[in-house]
Amino acid sequence: KIRLSGTPFQIKVWNELKKIPYGKT
């Protein structure tokens, strides 16, 4: 349970980063 704090753009980026599969770039 993490609490994100940032601009709407940053949060959009961070949420997309969470979708990158383990071991992939």
PDB file of all heavy atoms in Angstrom:
ATOM      1  N   LYS A   1       0.870  -1.177   0.000  1.00  0.00           N
ATOM      2  CA  LYS A   1       0.000   0.000   0.000  1.00  0.00           C
ATOM      3  C   LYS A   1       0.909   1.228   0.000  1.00  0.00           C
ATOM      4  O   LYS A   1       1.493   1.562   1.026  1.00  0.00           O
ATOM      5  CB  LYS A   1      -0.914  -0.034   1.215  1.00  0.00           C
ATOM      6  CG  LYS A   1      -1.980  -1.107   1.114  1.00  0.00           C
ATOM      7  CD  LYS A   1      -2.755  -1.310   2.401  1.00  0.00           C
ATOM      8  CE  LYS A   1      -3.455  -0.067   2.865  1.00  0.00           C
ATOM      9  NZ  LYS A   1      -4.263  -0.310   4.086  1.00  0.00           N
ATOM     10  N   ILE A   2       1.046   1.836  -1.172  1.00  0.00           N
ATOM     11  CA  ILE A   2       1.894   3.021  -1.287  1.00  0.00           C
ATOM     12  C   ILE A   2       1.027   4.253  -1.516  1.00  0.00           C
ATOM     13  O   ILE A   2      -0.054   4.166  -2.094  1.00  0.00           O
ATOM     14  CB  ILE A   2       2.955   2.873  -2.399  1.00  0.00           C
ATOM     15  CG1 ILE A   2       2.318   2.719  -3.774  1.00  0.00           C
ATOM     16  CG2 ILE A   2       3.894   1.715  -2.110  1.00  0.00           C
ATOM     17  CD1 ILE A   2       3.305   2.716  -4.927  1.00  0.00           C
ATOM     18  N   ARG A   3       1.515   5.386  -1.073  1.00  0.00           N
ATOM     19  CA  ARG A   3       0.800   6.653  -1.231  1.00  0.00           C
ATOM     20  C   ARG A   3       1.611   7.527  -2.167  1.00  0.00           C
ATOM     21  O   ARG A   3       2.664   8.039  -1.798  1.00  0.00           O
ATOM     22  CB  ARG A   3       0.636   7.292   0.139  1.00  0.00           C
ATOM     23  CG  ARG A   3      -0.107   8.602   0.186  1.00  0.00           C
ATOM     24  CD  ARG A   3      -1.556   8.532  -0.246  1.00  0.00           C
ATOM     25  NE  ARG A   3      -2.405   7.708   0.567  1.00  0.00           N
ATOM     26  CZ  ARG A   3      -3.303   8.145   1.416  1.00  0.00           C
ATOM     27  NH1 ARG A   3      -3.484   9.430   1.590  1.00  0.00           N
ATOM     28  NH2 ARG A   3      -4.046   7.311   2.088  1.00  0.00           N
ATOM     29  N   LEU A   4       1.135   7.656  -3.412  1.00  0.00           N
ATOM     30  CA  LEU A   4       1.818   8.482  -4.408  1.00  0.00           C
ATOM     31  C   LEU A   4       1.524   9.953  -4.165  1.00  0.00           C
ATOM     32  O   LEU A   4       0.395  10.321  -3.831  1.00  0.00           O
ATOM     33  CB  LEU A   4       1.363   8.104  -5.815  1.00  0.00           C
ATOM     34  CG  LEU A   4       1.733   6.723  -6.319  1.00  0.00           C
ATOM     35  CD1 LEU A   4       1.137   6.489  -7.700  1.00  0.00           C
ATOM     36  CD2 LEU A   4       3.227   6.530  -6.351  1.00  0.00           C
ATOM     37  N   SER A   5       2.527  10.771  -4.381  1.00  0.00           N
ATOM     38  CA  SER A   5       2.368  12.213  -4.262  1.00  0.00           C
ATOM     39  C   SER A   5       3.182  12.862  -5.377  1.00  0.00           C
ATOM     40  O   SER A   5       4.407  12.742  -5.405  1.00  0.00           O
ATOM     41  CB  SER A   5       2.875  12.667  -2.888  1.00  0.00           C
ATOM     42  OG  SER A   5       2.810  14.061  -2.794  1.00  0.00           O
ATOM     43  N   GLY A   6       2.495  13.506  -6.303  1.00  0.00           N
ATOM     44  CA  GLY A   6       3.163  14.151  -7.422  1.00  0.00           C
ATOM     45  C   GLY A   6       2.148  14.829  -8.321  1.00  0.00           C
ATOM     46  O   GLY A   6       0.954  14.859  -8.023  1.00  0.00           O
ATOM     47  N   THR A   7       2.633  15.330  -9.441  1.00  0.00           N
ATOM     48  CA  THR A   7       1.735  15.954 -10.406  1.00  0.00           C
ATOM     49  C   THR A   7       0.923  14.864 -11.112  1.00  0.00           C
ATOM     50  O   THR A   7       1.332  13.699 -11.120  1.00  0.00           O
ATOM     51  CB  THR A   7       2.524  16.754 -11.461  1.00  0.00           C
ATOM     52  OG1 THR A   7       3.253  15.830 -12.279  1.00  0.00           O
ATOM     53  CG2 THR A   7       3.465  17.770 -10.820  1.00  0.00           C
ATOM     54  N   PRO A   8      -0.192  15.233 -11.742  1.00  0.00           N
ATOM     55  CA  PRO A   8      -0.962  14.232 -12.489  1.00  0.00           C
ATOM     56  C   PRO A   8      -0.108  13.526 -13.556  1.00  0.00           C
ATOM     57  O   PRO A   8      -0.228  12.310 -13.746  1.00  0.00           O
ATOM     58  CB  PRO A   8      -2.098  15.042 -13.126  1.00  0.00           C
ATOM     59  CG  PRO A   8      -2.289  16.196 -12.178  1.00  0.00           C
ATOM     60  CD  PRO A   8      -0.913  16.523 -11.682  1.00  0.00           C
ATOM     61  N   PHE A   9       0.786  14.264 -14.226  1.00  0.00           N
ATOM     62  CA  PHE A   9       1.663  13.655 -15.233  1.00  0.00           C
ATOM     63  C   PHE A   9       2.604  12.638 -14.588  1.00  0.00           C
ATOM     64  O   PHE A   9       2.769  11.529 -15.083  1.00  0.00           O
ATOM     65  CB  PHE A   9       2.469  14.731 -15.980  1.00  0.00           C
ATOM     66  CG  PHE A   9       3.382  14.172 -17.031  1.00  0.00           C
ATOM     67  CD1 PHE A   9       2.906  13.866 -18.299  1.00  0.00           C
ATOM     68  CD2 PHE A   9       4.722  13.927 -16.751  1.00  0.00           C
ATOM     69  CE1 PHE A   9       3.736  13.328 -19.271  1.00  0.00           C
ATOM     70  CE2 PHE A   9       5.569  13.395 -17.714  1.00  0.00           C
ATOM     71  CZ  PHE A   9       5.077  13.099 -18.981  1.00  0.00           C
ATOM     72  N   GLN A  10       3.234  13.020 -13.475  1.00  0.00           N
ATOM     73  CA  GLN A  10       4.152  12.106 -12.790  1.00  0.00           C
ATOM     74  C   GLN A  10       3.433  10.832 -12.363  1.00  0.00           C
ATOM     75  O   GLN A  10       3.940   9.729 -12.561  1.00  0.00           O
ATOM     76  CB  GLN A  10       4.768  12.791 -11.563  1.00  0.00           C
ATOM     77  CG  GLN A  10       5.766  13.867 -11.911  1.00  0.00           C
ATOM     78  CD  GLN A  10       6.172  14.705 -10.700  1.00  0.00           C
ATOM     79  OE1 GLN A  10       5.427  14.827  -9.727  1.00  0.00           O
ATOM     80  NE2 GLN A  10       7.345  15.301 -10.782  1.00  0.00           N
ATOM     81  N   ILE A  11       2.255  10.990 -11.799  1.00  0.00           N
ATOM     82  CA  ILE A  11       1.494   9.823 -11.340  1.00  0.00           C
ATOM     83  C   ILE A  11       1.125   8.925 -12.510  1.00  0.00           C
ATOM     84  O   ILE A  11       1.195   7.697 -12.414  1.00  0.00           O
ATOM     85  CB  ILE A  11       0.268  10.261 -10.503  1.00  0.00           C
ATOM     86  CG1 ILE A  11       0.773  10.870  -9.183  1.00  0.00           C
ATOM     87  CG2 ILE A  11      -0.681   9.101 -10.257  1.00  0.00           C
ATOM     88  CD1 ILE A  11      -0.279  11.561  -8.347  1.00  0.00           C
ATOM     89  N   LYS A  12       0.811   9.527 -13.637  1.00  0.00           N
ATOM     90  CA  LYS A  12       0.507   8.746 -14.841  1.00  0.00           C
ATOM     91  C   LYS A  12       1.736   7.941 -15.272  1.00  0.00           C
ATOM     92  O   LYS A  12       1.636   6.748 -15.591  1.00  0.00           O
ATOM     93  CB  LYS A  12       0.070   9.700 -15.971  1.00  0.00           C
ATOM     94  CG  LYS A  12      -0.520   9.011 -17.173  1.00  0.00           C
ATOM     95  CD  LYS A  12      -0.991  10.035 -18.199  1.00  0.00           C
ATOM     96  CE  LYS A  12      -2.468  10.200 -18.040  1.00  0.00           C
ATOM     97  NZ  LYS A  12      -3.161  10.643 -19.225  1.00  0.00           N
ATOM     98  N   VAL A  13       2.899   8.573 -15.256  1.00  0.00           N
ATOM     99  CA  VAL A  13       4.153   7.883 -15.599  1.00  0.00           C
ATOM    100  C   VAL A  13       4.413   6.754 -14.613  1.00  0.00           C
ATOM    101  O   VAL A  13       4.694   5.616 -15.002  1.00  0.00           O
ATOM    102  CB  VAL A  13       5.350   8.869 -15.645  1.00  0.00           C
ATOM    103  CG1 VAL A  13       6.675   8.115 -15.753  1.00  0.00           C
ATOM    104  CG2 VAL A  13       5.209   9.851 -16.794  1.00  0.00           C
ATOM    105  N   TRP A  14       4.340   7.030 -13.331  1.00  0.00           N
ATOM    106  CA  TRP A  14       4.643   6.023 -12.315  1.00  0.00           C
ATOM    107  C   TRP A  14       3.692   4.835 -12.396  1.00  0.00           C
ATOM    108  O   TRP A  14       4.114   3.693 -12.237  1.00  0.00           O
ATOM    109  CB  TRP A  14       4.608   6.632 -10.916  1.00  0.00           C
ATOM    110  CG  TRP A  14       5.592   7.747 -10.728  1.00  0.00           C
ATOM    111  CD1 TRP A  14       6.801   7.911 -11.371  1.00  0.00           C
ATOM    112  CD2 TRP A  14       5.468   8.858  -9.853  1.00  0.00           C
ATOM    113  NE1 TRP A  14       7.413   9.057 -10.938  1.00  0.00           N
ATOM    114  CE2 TRP A  14       6.616   9.663 -10.002  1.00  0.00           C
ATOM    115  CE3 TRP A  14       4.492   9.265  -8.951  1.00  0.00           C
ATOM    116  CZ2 TRP A  14       6.823  10.831  -9.281  1.00  0.00           C
ATOM    117  CZ3 TRP A  14       4.687  10.431  -8.227  1.00  0.00           C
ATOM    118  CH2 TRP A  14       5.843  11.199  -8.397  1.00  0.00           C
ATOM    119  N   ASN A  15       2.424   5.098 -12.666  1.00  0.00           N
ATOM    120  CA  ASN A  15       1.477   3.994 -12.822  1.00  0.00           C
ATOM    121  C   ASN A  15       1.813   3.146 -14.046  1.00  0.00           C
ATOM    122  O   ASN A  15       1.631   1.928 -14.024  1.00  0.00           O
ATOM    123  CB  ASN A  15       0.039   4.510 -12.874  1.00  0.00           C
ATOM    124  CG  ASN A  15      -0.474   4.878 -11.490  1.00  0.00           C
ATOM    125  OD1 ASN A  15      -0.109   4.249 -10.497  1.00  0.00           O
ATOM    126  ND2 ASN A  15      -1.308   5.897 -11.415  1.00  0.00           N
ATOM    127  N   GLU A  16       2.317   3.778 -15.085  1.00  0.00           N
ATOM    128  CA  GLU A  16       2.745   3.025 -16.275  1.00  0.00           C
ATOM    129  C   GLU A  16       4.001   2.206 -15.977  1.00  0.00           C
ATOM    130  O   GLU A  16       4.144   1.075 -16.452  1.00  0.00           O
ATOM    131  CB  GLU A  16       2.979   3.976 -17.457  1.00  0.00           C
ATOM    132  CG  GLU A  16       3.120   3.293 -18.796  1.00  0.00           C
ATOM    133  CD  GLU A  16       1.880   2.515 -19.225  1.00  0.00           C
ATOM    134  OE1 GLU A  16       0.738   2.957 -18.979  1.00  0.00           O
ATOM    135  OE2 GLU A  16       2.053   1.433 -19.833  1.00  0.00           O
ATOM    136  N   LEU A  17       4.904   2.753 -15.188  1.00  0.00           N
ATOM    137  CA  LEU A  17       6.122   2.018 -14.826  1.00  0.00           C
ATOM    138  C   LEU A  17       5.786   0.730 -14.092  1.00  0.00           C
ATOM    139  O   LEU A  17       6.457  -0.290 -14.277  1.00  0.00           O
ATOM    140  CB  LEU A  17       7.030   2.876 -13.934  1.00  0.00           C
ATOM    141  CG  LEU A  17       7.608   4.156 -14.517  1.00  0.00           C
ATOM    142  CD1 LEU A  17       8.459   4.874 -13.478  1.00  0.00           C
ATOM    143  CD2 LEU A  17       8.409   3.896 -15.773  1.00  0.00           C
ATOM    144  N   LYS A  18       4.739   0.758 -13.261  1.00  0.00           N
ATOM    145  CA  LYS A  18       4.349  -0.430 -12.508  1.00  0.00           C
ATOM    146  C   LYS A  18       3.918  -1.569 -13.424  1.00  0.00           C
ATOM    147  O   LYS A  18       3.914  -2.722 -13.007  1.00  0.00           O
ATOM    148  CB  LYS A  18       3.221  -0.101 -11.528  1.00  0.00           C
ATOM    149  CG  LYS A  18       3.680   0.782 -10.380  1.00  0.00           C
ATOM    150  CD  LYS A  18       2.637   0.867  -9.277  1.00  0.00           C
ATOM    151  CE  LYS A  18       1.616   1.919  -9.535  1.00  0.00           C
ATOM    152  NZ  LYS A  18       0.636   2.087  -8.455  1.00  0.00           N
ATOM    153  N   LYS A  19       3.589  -1.266 -14.671  1.00  0.00           N
ATOM    154  CA  LYS A  19       3.151  -2.286 -15.625  1.00  0.00           C
ATOM    155  C   LYS A  19       4.310  -2.974 -16.354  1.00  0.00           C
ATOM    156  O   LYS A  19       4.093  -3.956 -17.042  1.00  0.00           O
ATOM    157  CB  LYS A  19       2.225  -1.652 -16.670  1.00  0.00           C
ATOM    158  CG  LYS A  19       0.942  -1.081 -16.091  1.00  0.00           C
ATOM    159  CD  LYS A  19       0.145  -0.379 -17.176  1.00  0.00           C
ATOM    160  CE  LYS A  19      -1.049   0.354 -16.621  1.00  0.00           C
ATOM    161  NZ  LYS A  19      -1.745   1.128 -17.675  1.00  0.00           N
ATOM    162  N   ILE A  20       5.527  -2.450 -16.216  1.00  0.00           N
ATOM    163  CA  ILE A  20       6.674  -3.052 -16.903  1.00  0.00           C
ATOM    164  C   ILE A  20       6.964  -4.403 -16.240  1.00  0.00           C
ATOM    165  O   ILE A  20       7.225  -4.454 -15.037  1.00  0.00           O
ATOM    166  CB  ILE A  20       7.933  -2.161 -16.838  1.00  0.00           C
ATOM    167  CG1 ILE A  20       7.648  -0.758 -17.365  1.00  0.00           C
ATOM    168  CG2 ILE A  20       9.082  -2.806 -17.623  1.00  0.00           C
ATOM    169  CD1 ILE A  20       8.771   0.243 -17.083  1.00  0.00           C
ATOM    170  N   PRO A  21       6.929  -5.478 -17.009  1.00  0.00           N
ATOM    171  CA  PRO A  21       7.154  -6.800 -16.412  1.00  0.00           C
ATOM    172  C   PRO A  21       8.565  -6.957 -15.842  1.00  0.00           C
ATOM    173  O   PRO A  21       9.535  -6.375 -16.350  1.00  0.00           O
ATOM    174  CB  PRO A  21       6.948  -7.768 -17.575  1.00  0.00           C
ATOM    175  CG  PRO A  21       6.235  -6.995 -18.626  1.00  0.00           C
ATOM    176  CD  PRO A  21       6.626  -5.556 -18.430  1.00  0.00           C
ATOM    177  N   TYR A  22       8.658  -7.758 -14.816  1.00  0.00           N
ATOM    178  CA  TYR A  22       9.927  -8.127 -14.197  1.00  0.00           C
ATOM    179  C   TYR A  22      10.870  -8.674 -15.265  1.00  0.00           C
ATOM    180  O   TYR A  22      10.485  -9.492 -16.097  1.00  0.00           O
ATOM    181  CB  TYR A  22       9.649  -9.208 -13.145  1.00  0.00           C
ATOM    182  CG  TYR A  22      10.853  -9.684 -12.380  1.00  0.00           C
ATOM    183  CD1 TYR A  22      11.192  -9.114 -11.168  1.00  0.00           C
ATOM    184  CD2 TYR A  22      11.631 -10.737 -12.846  1.00  0.00           C
ATOM    185  CE1 TYR A  22      12.279  -9.569 -10.433  1.00  0.00           C
ATOM    186  CE2 TYR A  22      12.723 -11.195 -12.121  1.00  0.00           C
ATOM    187  CZ  TYR A  22      13.036 -10.605 -10.927  1.00  0.00           C
ATOM    188  OH  TYR A  22      14.112 -11.052 -10.202  1.00  0.00           O
ATOM    189  N   GLY A  23      12.100  -8.199 -15.245  1.00  0.00           N
ATOM    190  CA  GLY A  23      13.106  -8.696 -16.177  1.00  0.00           C
ATOM    191  C   GLY A  23      13.047  -8.079 -17.562  1.00  0.00           C
ATOM    192  O   GLY A  23      13.834  -8.436 -18.437  1.00  0.00           O
ATOM    193  N   LYS A  24      12.130  -7.157 -17.790  1.00  0.00           N
ATOM    194  CA  LYS A  24      11.999  -6.488 -19.091  1.00  0.00           C
ATOM    195  C   LYS A  24      12.425  -5.034 -18.953  1.00  0.00           C
ATOM    196  O   LYS A  24      12.376  -4.468 -17.866  1.00  0.00           O
ATOM    197  CB  LYS A  24      10.547  -6.534 -19.586  1.00  0.00           C
ATOM    198  CG  LYS A  24       9.977  -7.912 -19.743  1.00  0.00           C
ATOM    199  CD  LYS A  24      10.501  -8.586 -20.970  1.00  0.00           C
ATOM    200  CE  LYS A  24       9.811  -9.938 -21.155  1.00  0.00           C
ATOM    201  NZ  LYS A  24      10.441 -10.733 -22.146  1.00  0.00           N
ATOM    202  N   THR A  25      12.815  -4.450 -20.067  1.00  0.00           N
ATOM    203  CA  THR A  25      13.114  -3.018 -20.093  1.00  0.00           C
ATOM    204  C   THR A  25      12.281  -2.368 -21.182  1.00  0.00           C
ATOM    205  O   THR A  25      11.796  -3.032 -22.099  1.00  0.00           O
ATOM    206  CB  THR A  25      14.613  -2.745 -20.345  1.00  0.00           C
ATOM    207  OG1 THR A  25      15.003  -3.364 -21.576  1.00  0.00           O
ATOM    208  CG2 THR A  25      15.474  -3.254 -19.199  1.00  0.00           C
TER     209      THR A  25
END
